[in-house]
Amino acid sequence: MTVWFLLVAPVLPAQRQLGERDTARLFYPVERTVAEALRAGRLPFWDPHIESGTSLLGQVTPAALHPFALLYAALP
């Protein structure tokens, strides 16, 4: 445990973490695309906004087929 802490200690300060940027630039837009597709009654197969387009169903990050993804349809 001590060795692990020594390895990760340099990135623990908030100014060194990428969580906020990852959330704002990747997770939120992807989840919004999933929600829009579900509200329109479509399965979210493709996201045209990431690079030149990317599959949503073929990736783990969007979790488009996860049961909780249905909550996106009800949330604004």
Foldseek 3Di string as FASTA:
>chain_A
DVVVCVVCVVQPDPVNDCVVVCCVPPQVVLLLLLLVQVLVVHQQQWDCPPDNIDGPVVDDRNPSVDPCSNVSVVDD
